[in-house]
Amino acid sequence: MASTQLAWSASTAVSPLFYSALLDRGALAAWGGPIAVCALWFALVEVLARRMPQVARPVTNVAEPEPGLGPPVSPDGPVGAPSDAPTTPA
């Protein structure tokens, strides 16, 4: 966690300086620098996709159980179907 916070803080401090230097060099550098960074990240994601098959899977909102944690919870909640819920006498 601390390394992530340090990286985030350092990038927050360096990014404006980097972009100001690019703006000082002209429009080509101002557009070329960020495009080069995007191309680099795209290449890194492609390398990760080849090395980690989970990256290639589509992202959905379907809950999947973690291995060893037991069965998944019913979509109706922890009780199950509404008819399974305890009732109070009227």
PDB file of N, CA and C in Angstrom:
ATOM      1  N   MET A   1       0.823  -1.185   0.000  1.00  0.00           N
ATOM      2  CA  MET A   1       0.000   0.000   0.000  1.00  0.00           C
ATOM      3  C   MET A   1       0.867   1.248   0.000  1.00  0.00           C
ATOM      4  N   ALA A   2       1.918   1.253   0.783  1.00  0.00           N
ATOM      5  CA  ALA A   2       2.768   2.437   0.879  1.00  0.00           C
ATOM      6  C   ALA A   2       3.461   2.718  -0.452  1.00  0.00           C
ATOM      7  N   SER A   3       3.873   1.668  -1.152  1.00  0.00           N
ATOM      8  CA  SER A   3       4.538   1.891  -2.440  1.00  0.00           C
ATOM      9  C   SER A   3       3.558   2.460  -3.462  1.00  0.00           C
ATOM     10  N   THR A   4       2.308   2.038  -3.407  1.00  0.00           N
ATOM     11  CA  THR A   4       1.304   2.585  -4.313  1.00  0.00           C
ATOM     12  C   THR A   4       1.063   4.059  -4.011  1.00  0.00           C
ATOM     13  N   GLN A   5       0.978   4.394  -2.746  1.00  0.00           N
ATOM     14  CA  GLN A   5       0.789   5.796  -2.363  1.00  0.00           C
ATOM     15  C   GLN A   5       1.981   6.646  -2.776  1.00  0.00           C
ATOM     16  N   LEU A   6       3.186   6.098  -2.629  1.00  0.00           N
ATOM     17  CA  LEU A   6       4.383   6.828  -3.029  1.00  0.00           C
ATOM     18  C   LEU A   6       4.408   7.033  -4.538  1.00  0.00           C
ATOM     19  N   ALA A   7       4.063   6.000  -5.298  1.00  0.00           N
ATOM     20  CA  ALA A   7       4.039   6.126  -6.755  1.00  0.00           C
ATOM     21  C   ALA A   7       2.986   7.139  -7.188  1.00  0.00           C
ATOM     22  N   TRP A   8       1.828   7.093  -6.560  1.00  0.00           N
ATOM     23  CA  TRP A   8       0.755   8.033  -6.910  1.00  0.00           C
ATOM     24  C   TRP A   8       1.170   9.469  -6.589  1.00  0.00           C
ATOM     25  N   SER A   9       1.758   9.675  -5.429  1.00  0.00           N
ATOM     26  CA  SER A   9       2.187  11.016  -5.027  1.00  0.00           C
ATOM     27  C   SER A   9       3.302  11.530  -5.929  1.00  0.00           C
ATOM     28  N   ALA A  10       4.244  10.666  -6.262  1.00  0.00           N
ATOM     29  CA  ALA A  10       5.351  11.076  -7.137  1.00  0.00           C
ATOM     30  C   ALA A  10       4.835  11.420  -8.531  1.00  0.00           C
ATOM     31  N   SER A  11       3.918  10.611  -9.059  1.00  0.00           N
ATOM     32  CA  SER A  11       3.389  10.900 -10.397  1.00  0.00           C
ATOM     33  C   SER A  11       2.551  12.175 -10.390  1.00  0.00           C
ATOM     34  N   THR A  12       1.860  12.444  -9.283  1.00  0.00           N
ATOM     35  CA  THR A  12       1.088  13.676  -9.175  1.00  0.00           C
ATOM     36  C   THR A  12       2.011  14.895  -9.157  1.00  0.00           C
ATOM     37  N   ALA A  13       3.179  14.745  -8.575  1.00  0.00           N
ATOM     38  CA  ALA A  13       4.132  15.851  -8.527  1.00  0.00           C
ATOM     39  C   ALA A  13       4.876  16.024  -9.849  1.00  0.00           C
ATOM     40  N   VAL A  14       5.195  14.945 -10.525  1.00  0.00           N
ATOM     41  CA  VAL A  14       6.017  14.999 -11.729  1.00  0.00           C
ATOM     42  C   VAL A  14       5.187  15.293 -12.980  1.00  0.00           C
ATOM     43  N   SER A  15       3.950  14.838 -13.035  1.00  0.00           N
ATOM     44  CA  SER A  15       3.132  14.991 -14.244  1.00  0.00           C
ATOM     45  C   SER A  15       2.985  16.438 -14.712  1.00  0.00           C
ATOM     46  N   PRO A  16       2.657  17.395 -13.850  1.00  0.00           N
ATOM     47  CA  PRO A  16       2.559  18.778 -14.337  1.00  0.00           C
ATOM     48  C   PRO A  16       3.884  19.312 -14.881  1.00  0.00           C
ATOM     49  N   LEU A  17       4.984  18.928 -14.253  1.00  0.00           N
ATOM     50  CA  LEU A  17       6.289  19.365 -14.740  1.00  0.00           C
ATOM     51  C   LEU A  17       6.587  18.759 -16.110  1.00  0.00           C
ATOM     52  N   PHE A  18       6.281  17.488 -16.263  1.00  0.00           N
ATOM     53  CA  PHE A  18       6.490  16.803 -17.542  1.00  0.00           C
ATOM     54  C   PHE A  18       5.637  17.441 -18.637  1.00  0.00           C
ATOM     55  N   TYR A  19       4.386  17.688 -18.338  1.00  0.00           N
ATOM     56  CA  TYR A  19       3.504  18.255 -19.352  1.00  0.00           C
ATOM     57  C   TYR A  19       3.880  19.706 -19.669  1.00  0.00           C
ATOM     58  N   SER A  20       4.325  20.457 -18.672  1.00  0.00           N
ATOM     59  CA  SER A  20       4.787  21.828 -18.930  1.00  0.00           C
ATOM     60  C   SER A  20       6.004  21.826 -19.842  1.00  0.00           C
ATOM     61  N   ALA A  21       6.921  20.889 -19.626  1.00  0.00           N
ATOM     62  CA  ALA A  21       8.093  20.788 -20.497  1.00  0.00           C
ATOM     63  C   ALA A  21       7.670  20.425 -21.918  1.00  0.00           C
ATOM     64  N   LEU A  22       6.678  19.550 -22.052  1.00  0.00           N
ATOM     65  CA  LEU A  22       6.192  19.195 -23.399  1.00  0.00           C
ATOM     66  C   LEU A  22       5.525  20.391 -24.067  1.00  0.00           C
ATOM     67  N   LEU A  23       4.734  21.152 -23.322  1.00  0.00           N
ATOM     68  CA  LEU A  23       4.086  22.335 -23.888  1.00  0.00           C
ATOM     69  C   LEU A  23       5.109  23.377 -24.320  1.00  0.00           C
ATOM     70  N   ASP A  24       6.207  23.486 -23.585  1.00  0.00           N
ATOM     71  CA  ASP A  24       7.249  24.443 -23.917  1.00  0.00           C
ATOM     72  C   ASP A  24       7.939  24.079 -25.232  1.00  0.00           C
ATOM     73  N   ARG A  25       7.965  22.806 -25.569  1.00  0.00           N
ATOM     74  CA  ARG A  25       8.626  22.354 -26.798  1.00  0.00           C
ATOM     75  C   ARG A  25       7.729  22.445 -28.028  1.00  0.00           C
ATOM     76  N   GLY A  26       6.450  22.697 -27.873  1.00  0.00           N
ATOM     77  CA  GLY A  26       5.572  22.868 -29.020  1.00  0.00           C
ATOM     78  C   GLY A  26       4.458  21.840 -29.057  1.00  0.00           C
ATOM     79  N   ALA A  27       3.599  21.982 -30.069  1.00  0.00           N
ATOM     80  CA  ALA A  27       2.405  21.143 -30.183  1.00  0.00           C
ATOM     81  C   ALA A  27       2.751  19.685 -30.463  1.00  0.00           C
ATOM     82  N   LEU A  28       3.768  19.445 -31.286  1.00  0.00           N
ATOM     83  CA  LEU A  28       4.119  18.056 -31.604  1.00  0.00           C
ATOM     84  C   LEU A  28       4.528  17.299 -30.347  1.00  0.00           C
ATOM     85  N   ALA A  29       5.352  17.919 -29.528  1.00  0.00           N
ATOM     86  CA  ALA A  29       5.772  17.262 -28.286  1.00  0.00           C
ATOM     87  C   ALA A  29       4.604  17.140 -27.309  1.00  0.00           C
ATOM     88  N   ALA A  30       3.742  18.175 -27.272  1.00  0.00           N
ATOM     89  CA  ALA A  30       2.612  18.145 -26.345  1.00  0.00           C
ATOM     90  C   ALA A  30       1.644  17.019 -26.682  1.00  0.00           C
ATOM     91  N   TRP A  31       1.472  16.700 -27.959  1.00  0.00           N
ATOM     92  CA  TRP A  31       0.610  15.594 -28.353  1.00  0.00           C
ATOM     93  C   TRP A  31       1.384  14.291 -28.454  1.00  0.00           C
ATOM     94  N   GLY A  32       2.618  14.368 -28.921  1.00  0.00           N
ATOM     95  CA  GLY A  32       3.410  13.149 -29.120  1.00  0.00           C
ATOM     96  C   GLY A  32       3.778  12.453 -27.831  1.00  0.00           C
ATOM     97  N   GLY A  33       4.088  13.233 -26.781  1.00  0.00           N
ATOM     98  CA  GLY A  33       4.452  12.628 -25.491  1.00  0.00           C
ATOM     99  C   GLY A  33       3.338  11.774 -24.902  1.00  0.00           C
ATOM    100  N   PRO A  34       2.143  12.333 -24.734  1.00  0.00           N
ATOM    101  CA  PRO A  34       1.052  11.498 -24.198  1.00  0.00           C
ATOM    102  C   PRO A  34       0.675  10.328 -25.109  1.00  0.00           C
ATOM    103  N   ILE A  35       0.760  10.525 -26.416  1.00  0.00           N
ATOM    104  CA  ILE A  35       0.456   9.419 -27.330  1.00  0.00           C
ATOM    105  C   ILE A  35       1.505   8.324 -27.190  1.00  0.00           C
ATOM    106  N   ALA A  36       2.769   8.713 -27.008  1.00  0.00           N
ATOM    107  CA  ALA A  36       3.824   7.717 -26.801  1.00  0.00           C
ATOM    108  C   ALA A  36       3.596   6.950 -25.501  1.00  0.00           C
ATOM    109  N   VAL A  37       3.173   7.646 -24.449  1.00  0.00           N
ATOM    110  CA  VAL A  37       2.890   6.970 -23.176  1.00  0.00           C
ATOM    111  C   VAL A  37       1.726   5.994 -23.342  1.00  0.00           C
ATOM    112  N   CYS A  38       0.685   6.391 -24.078  1.00  0.00           N
ATOM    113  CA  CYS A  38      -0.452   5.489 -24.326  1.00  0.00           C
ATOM    114  C   CYS A  38      -0.016   4.271 -25.132  1.00  0.00           C
ATOM    115  N   ALA A  39       0.847   4.481 -26.111  1.00  0.00           N
ATOM    116  CA  ALA A  39       1.345   3.358 -26.914  1.00  0.00           C
ATOM    117  C   ALA A  39       2.161   2.401 -26.051  1.00  0.00           C
ATOM    118  N   LEU A  40       2.953   2.955 -25.145  1.00  0.00           N
ATOM    119  CA  LEU A  40       3.739   2.119 -24.243  1.00  0.00           C
ATOM    120  C   LEU A  40       2.815   1.289 -23.353  1.00  0.00           C
ATOM    121  N   TRP A  41       1.799   1.913 -22.772  1.00  0.00           N
ATOM    122  CA  TRP A  41       0.859   1.180 -21.921  1.00  0.00           C
ATOM    123  C   TRP A  41       0.090   0.125 -22.715  1.00  0.00           C
ATOM    124  N   PHE A  42      -0.282   0.454 -23.958  1.00  0.00           N
ATOM    125  CA  PHE A  42      -0.976  -0.529 -24.801  1.00  0.00           C
ATOM    126  C   PHE A  42      -0.084  -1.743 -25.018  1.00  0.00           C
ATOM    127  N   ALA A  43       1.197  -1.508 -25.307  1.00  0.00           N
ATOM    128  CA  ALA A  43       2.129  -2.621 -25.521  1.00  0.00           C
ATOM    129  C   ALA A  43       2.278  -3.453 -24.243  1.00  0.00           C
ATOM    130  N   LEU A  44       2.361  -2.800 -23.088  1.00  0.00           N
ATOM    131  CA  LEU A  44       2.484  -3.535 -21.829  1.00  0.00           C
ATOM    132  C   LEU A  44       1.237  -4.367 -21.530  1.00  0.00           C
ATOM    133  N   VAL A  45       0.064  -3.827 -21.836  1.00  0.00           N
ATOM    134  CA  VAL A  45      -1.174  -4.587 -21.621  1.00  0.00           C
ATOM    135  C   VAL A  45      -1.212  -5.808 -22.535  1.00  0.00           C
ATOM    136  N   GLU A  46      -0.747  -5.658 -23.770  1.00  0.00           N
ATOM    137  CA  GLU A  46      -0.715  -6.798 -24.685  1.00  0.00           C
ATOM    138  C   GLU A  46       0.238  -7.879 -24.174  1.00  0.00           C
ATOM    139  N   VAL A  47       1.379  -7.483 -23.632  1.00  0.00           N
ATOM    140  CA  VAL A  47       2.322  -8.454 -23.067  1.00  0.00           C
ATOM    141  C   VAL A  47       1.687  -9.162 -21.877  1.00  0.00           C
ATOM    142  N   LEU A  48       1.011  -8.407 -21.012  1.00  0.00           N
ATOM    143  CA  LEU A  48       0.334  -9.019 -19.867  1.00  0.00           C
ATOM    144  C   LEU A  48      -0.773  -9.968 -20.309  1.00  0.00           C
ATOM    145  N   ALA A  49      -1.482  -9.621 -21.368  1.00  0.00           N
ATOM    146  CA  ALA A  49      -2.571 -10.477 -21.851  1.00  0.00           C
ATOM    147  C   ALA A  49      -2.029 -11.820 -22.319  1.00  0.00           C
ATOM    148  N   ARG A  50      -0.837 -11.820 -22.891  1.00  0.00           N
ATOM    149  CA  ARG A  50      -0.254 -13.089 -23.322  1.00  0.00           C
ATOM    150  C   ARG A  50       0.244 -13.906 -22.143  1.00  0.00           C
ATOM    151  N   ARG A  51       0.735 -13.245 -21.119  1.00  0.00           N
ATOM    152  CA  ARG A  51       1.311 -13.950 -19.966  1.00  0.00           C
ATOM    153  C   ARG A  51       0.278 -14.330 -18.916  1.00  0.00           C
ATOM    154  N   MET A  52      -0.836 -13.610 -18.870  1.00  0.00           N
ATOM    155  CA  MET A  52      -1.867 -13.872 -17.863  1.00  0.00           C
ATOM    156  C   MET A  52      -3.199 -14.108 -18.565  1.00  0.00           C
ATOM    157  N   PRO A  53      -3.642 -15.350 -18.658  1.00  0.00           N
ATOM    158  CA  PRO A  53      -4.890 -15.632 -19.377  1.00  0.00           C
ATOM    159  C   PRO A  53      -6.120 -14.962 -18.762  1.00  0.00           C
ATOM    160  N   GLN A  54      -6.086 -14.621 -17.460  1.00  0.00           N
ATOM    161  CA  GLN A  54      -7.228 -13.969 -16.831  1.00  0.00           C
ATOM    162  C   GLN A  54      -7.478 -12.595 -17.440  1.00  0.00           C
ATOM    163  N   VAL A  55      -6.448 -11.964 -17.973  1.00  0.00           N
ATOM    164  CA  VAL A  55      -6.596 -10.631 -18.541  1.00  0.00           C
ATOM    165  C   VAL A  55      -7.458 -10.669 -19.795  1.00  0.00           C
ATOM    166  N   ALA A  56      -7.425 -11.772 -20.528  1.00  0.00           N
ATOM    167  CA  ALA A  56      -8.167 -11.885 -21.778  1.00  0.00           C
ATOM    168  C   ALA A  56      -9.651 -12.184 -21.552  1.00  0.00           C
ATOM    169  N   ARG A  57     -10.025 -12.595 -20.336  1.00  0.00           N
ATOM    170  CA  ARG A  57     -11.435 -12.908 -20.066  1.00  0.00           C
ATOM    171  C   ARG A  57     -12.277 -11.642 -20.060  1.00  0.00           C
ATOM    172  N   PRO A  58     -13.508 -11.719 -20.541  1.00  0.00           N
ATOM    173  CA  PRO A  58     -14.376 -10.535 -20.484  1.00  0.00           C
ATOM    174  C   PRO A  58     -14.757 -10.204 -19.044  1.00  0.00           C
ATOM    175  N   VAL A  59     -14.915  -8.931 -18.781  1.00  0.00           N
ATOM    176  CA  VAL A  59     -15.296  -8.475 -17.449  1.00  0.00           C
ATOM    177  C   VAL A  59     -16.817  -8.382 -17.396  1.00  0.00           C
ATOM    178  N   THR A  60     -17.420  -9.051 -16.425  1.00  0.00           N
ATOM    179  CA  THR A  60     -18.875  -9.020 -16.258  1.00  0.00           C
ATOM    180  C   THR A  60     -19.182  -8.668 -14.805  1.00  0.00           C
ATOM    181  N   ASN A  61     -20.451  -8.509 -14.519  1.00  0.00           N
ATOM    182  CA  ASN A  61     -20.858  -8.256 -13.140  1.00  0.00           C
ATOM    183  C   ASN A  61     -21.383  -9.520 -12.465  1.00  0.00           C
ATOM    184  N   VAL A  62     -21.114 -10.685 -13.041  1.00  0.00           N
ATOM    185  CA  VAL A  62     -21.556 -11.949 -12.467  1.00  0.00           C
ATOM    186  C   VAL A  62     -20.602 -12.330 -11.348  1.00  0.00           C
ATOM    187  N   ALA A  63     -21.137 -12.579 -10.176  1.00  0.00           N
ATOM    188  CA  ALA A  63     -20.306 -12.951  -9.032  1.00  0.00           C
ATOM    189  C   ALA A  63     -19.861 -14.399  -9.178  1.00  0.00           C
ATOM    190  N   GLU A  64     -18.582 -14.622  -8.970  1.00  0.00           N
ATOM    191  CA  GLU A  64     -18.045 -15.972  -8.982  1.00  0.00           C
ATOM    192  C   GLU A  64     -17.439 -16.238  -7.615  1.00  0.00           C
ATOM    193  N   PRO A  65     -17.649 -17.435  -7.088  1.00  0.00           N
ATOM    194  CA  PRO A  65     -17.108 -17.718  -5.752  1.00  0.00           C
ATOM    195  C   PRO A  65     -15.590 -17.816  -5.802  1.00  0.00           C
ATOM    196  N   GLU A  66     -14.971 -17.382  -4.717  1.00  0.00           N
ATOM    197  CA  GLU A  66     -13.525 -17.540  -4.586  1.00  0.00           C
ATOM    198  C   GLU A  66     -13.252 -19.008  -4.255  1.00  0.00           C
ATOM    199  N   PRO A  67     -12.168 -19.558  -4.738  1.00  0.00           N
ATOM    200  CA  PRO A  67     -11.858 -20.961  -4.415  1.00  0.00           C
ATOM    201  C   PRO A  67     -11.718 -21.151  -2.906  1.00  0.00           C
ATOM    202  N   GLY A  68     -12.400 -22.150  -2.389  1.00  0.00           N
ATOM    203  CA  GLY A  68     -12.287 -22.488  -0.981  1.00  0.00           C
ATOM    204  C   GLY A  68     -13.164 -21.671  -0.046  1.00  0.00           C
ATOM    205  N   LEU A  69     -14.025 -20.793  -0.571  1.00  0.00           N
ATOM    206  CA  LEU A  69     -14.858 -19.976   0.303  1.00  0.00           C
ATOM    207  C   LEU A  69     -16.290 -20.471   0.407  1.00  0.00           C
ATOM    208  N   GLY A  70     -16.616 -21.564  -0.228  1.00  0.00           N
ATOM    209  CA  GLY A  70     -17.960 -22.097  -0.115  1.00  0.00           C
ATOM    210  C   GLY A  70     -18.827 -21.725  -1.301  1.00  0.00           C
ATOM    211  N   PRO A  71     -20.099 -22.104  -1.245  1.00  0.00           N
ATOM    212  CA  PRO A  71     -20.993 -21.849  -2.385  1.00  0.00           C
ATOM    213  C   PRO A  71     -21.315 -20.368  -2.517  1.00  0.00           C
ATOM    214  N   PRO A  72     -21.665 -19.954  -3.742  1.00  0.00           N
ATOM    215  CA  PRO A  72     -22.024 -18.542  -3.933  1.00  0.00           C
ATOM    216  C   PRO A  72     -23.351 -18.213  -3.264  1.00  0.00           C
ATOM    217  N   VAL A  73     -23.529 -16.961  -2.946  1.00  0.00           N
ATOM    218  CA  VAL A  73     -24.761 -16.483  -2.322  1.00  0.00           C
ATOM    219  C   VAL A  73     -25.833 -16.387  -3.396  1.00  0.00           C
ATOM    220  N   SER A  74     -27.056 -16.723  -3.037  1.00  0.00           N
ATOM    221  CA  SER A  74     -28.175 -16.666  -3.965  1.00  0.00           C
ATOM    222  C   SER A  74     -28.409 -15.228  -4.426  1.00  0.00           C
ATOM    223  N   PRO A  75     -28.862 -15.018  -5.685  1.00  0.00           N
ATOM    224  CA  PRO A  75     -29.151 -13.656  -6.131  1.00  0.00           C
ATOM    225  C   PRO A  75     -30.281 -12.998  -5.347  1.00  0.00           C
ATOM    226  N   ASP A  76     -31.102 -13.799  -4.668  1.00  0.00           N
ATOM    227  CA  ASP A  76     -32.196 -13.245  -3.878  1.00  0.00           C
ATOM    228  C   ASP A  76     -31.735 -12.831  -2.486  1.00  0.00           C
ATOM    229  N   GLY A  77     -30.470 -12.980  -2.201  1.00  0.00           N
ATOM    230  CA  GLY A  77     -29.960 -12.631  -0.889  1.00  0.00           C
ATOM    231  C   GLY A  77     -29.551 -13.865  -0.120  1.00  0.00           C
ATOM    232  N   PRO A  78     -29.091 -13.697   1.100  1.00  0.00           N
ATOM    233  CA  PRO A  78     -28.607 -14.840   1.867  1.00  0.00           C
ATOM    234  C   PRO A  78     -29.703 -15.802   2.299  1.00  0.00           C
ATOM    235  N   VAL A  79     -30.953 -15.367   2.315  1.00  0.00           N
ATOM    236  CA  VAL A  79     -32.041 -16.228   2.758  1.00  0.00           C
ATOM    237  C   VAL A  79     -32.458 -17.178   1.650  1.00  0.00           C
ATOM    238  N   GLY A  80     -32.367 -16.752   0.416  1.00  0.00           N
ATOM    239  CA  GLY A  80     -32.830 -17.558  -0.704  1.00  0.00           C
ATOM    240  C   GLY A  80     -34.019 -16.884  -1.350  1.00  0.00           C
ATOM    241  N   ALA A  81     -34.937 -17.680  -1.833  1.00  0.00           N
ATOM    242  CA  ALA A  81     -36.134 -17.139  -2.462  1.00  0.00           C
ATOM    243  C   ALA A  81     -37.000 -16.452  -1.417  1.00  0.00           C
ATOM    244  N   PRO A  82     -37.793 -15.459  -1.818  1.00  0.00           N
ATOM    245  CA  PRO A  82     -38.649 -14.784  -0.830  1.00  0.00           C
ATOM    246  C   PRO A  82     -39.600 -15.734  -0.119  1.00  0.00           C
ATOM    247  N   SER A  83     -39.988 -16.831  -0.762  1.00  0.00           N
ATOM    248  CA  SER A  83     -40.885 -17.777  -0.098  1.00  0.00           C
ATOM    249  C   SER A  83     -40.185 -18.536   1.027  1.00  0.00           C
ATOM    250  N   ASP A  84     -38.857 -18.575   1.022  1.00  0.00           N
ATOM    251  CA  ASP A  84     -38.095 -19.254   2.073  1.00  0.00           C
ATOM    252  C   ASP A  84     -37.904 -18.384   3.309  1.00  0.00           C
ATOM    253  N   ALA A  85     -38.187 -17.118   3.194  1.00  0.00           N
ATOM    254  CA  ALA A  85     -37.942 -16.192   4.297  1.00  0.00           C
ATOM    255  C   ALA A  85     -38.913 -16.485   5.441  1.00  0.00           C
ATOM    256  N   PRO A  86     -38.465 -16.298   6.690  1.00  0.00           N
ATOM    257  CA  PRO A  86     -39.381 -16.526   7.816  1.00  0.00           C
ATOM    258  C   PRO A  86     -40.490 -15.482   7.803  1.00  0.00           C
ATOM    259  N   THR A  87     -41.639 -15.922   8.190  1.00  0.00           N
ATOM    260  CA  THR A  87     -42.797 -15.013   8.221  1.00  0.00           C
ATOM    261  C   THR A  87     -43.273 -14.850   9.656  1.00  0.00           C
ATOM    262  N   THR A  88     -43.908 -13.738   9.892  1.00  0.00           N
ATOM    263  CA  THR A  88     -44.485 -13.515  11.216  1.00  0.00           C
ATOM    264  C   THR A  88     -45.999 -13.694  11.089  1.00  0.00           C
ATOM    265  N   PRO A  89     -46.639 -14.253  12.121  1.00  0.00           N
ATOM    266  CA  PRO A  89     -48.096 -14.436  12.034  1.00  0.00           C
ATOM    267  C   PRO A  89     -48.804 -13.091  11.970  1.00  0.00           C
ATOM    268  N   ALA A  90     -49.846 -13.034  11.188  1.00  0.00           N
ATOM    269  CA  ALA A  90     -50.586 -11.789  10.993  1.00  0.00           C
ATOM    270  C   ALA A  90     -51.542 -11.506  12.087  1.00  0.00           C
TER     271      ALA A  90
END
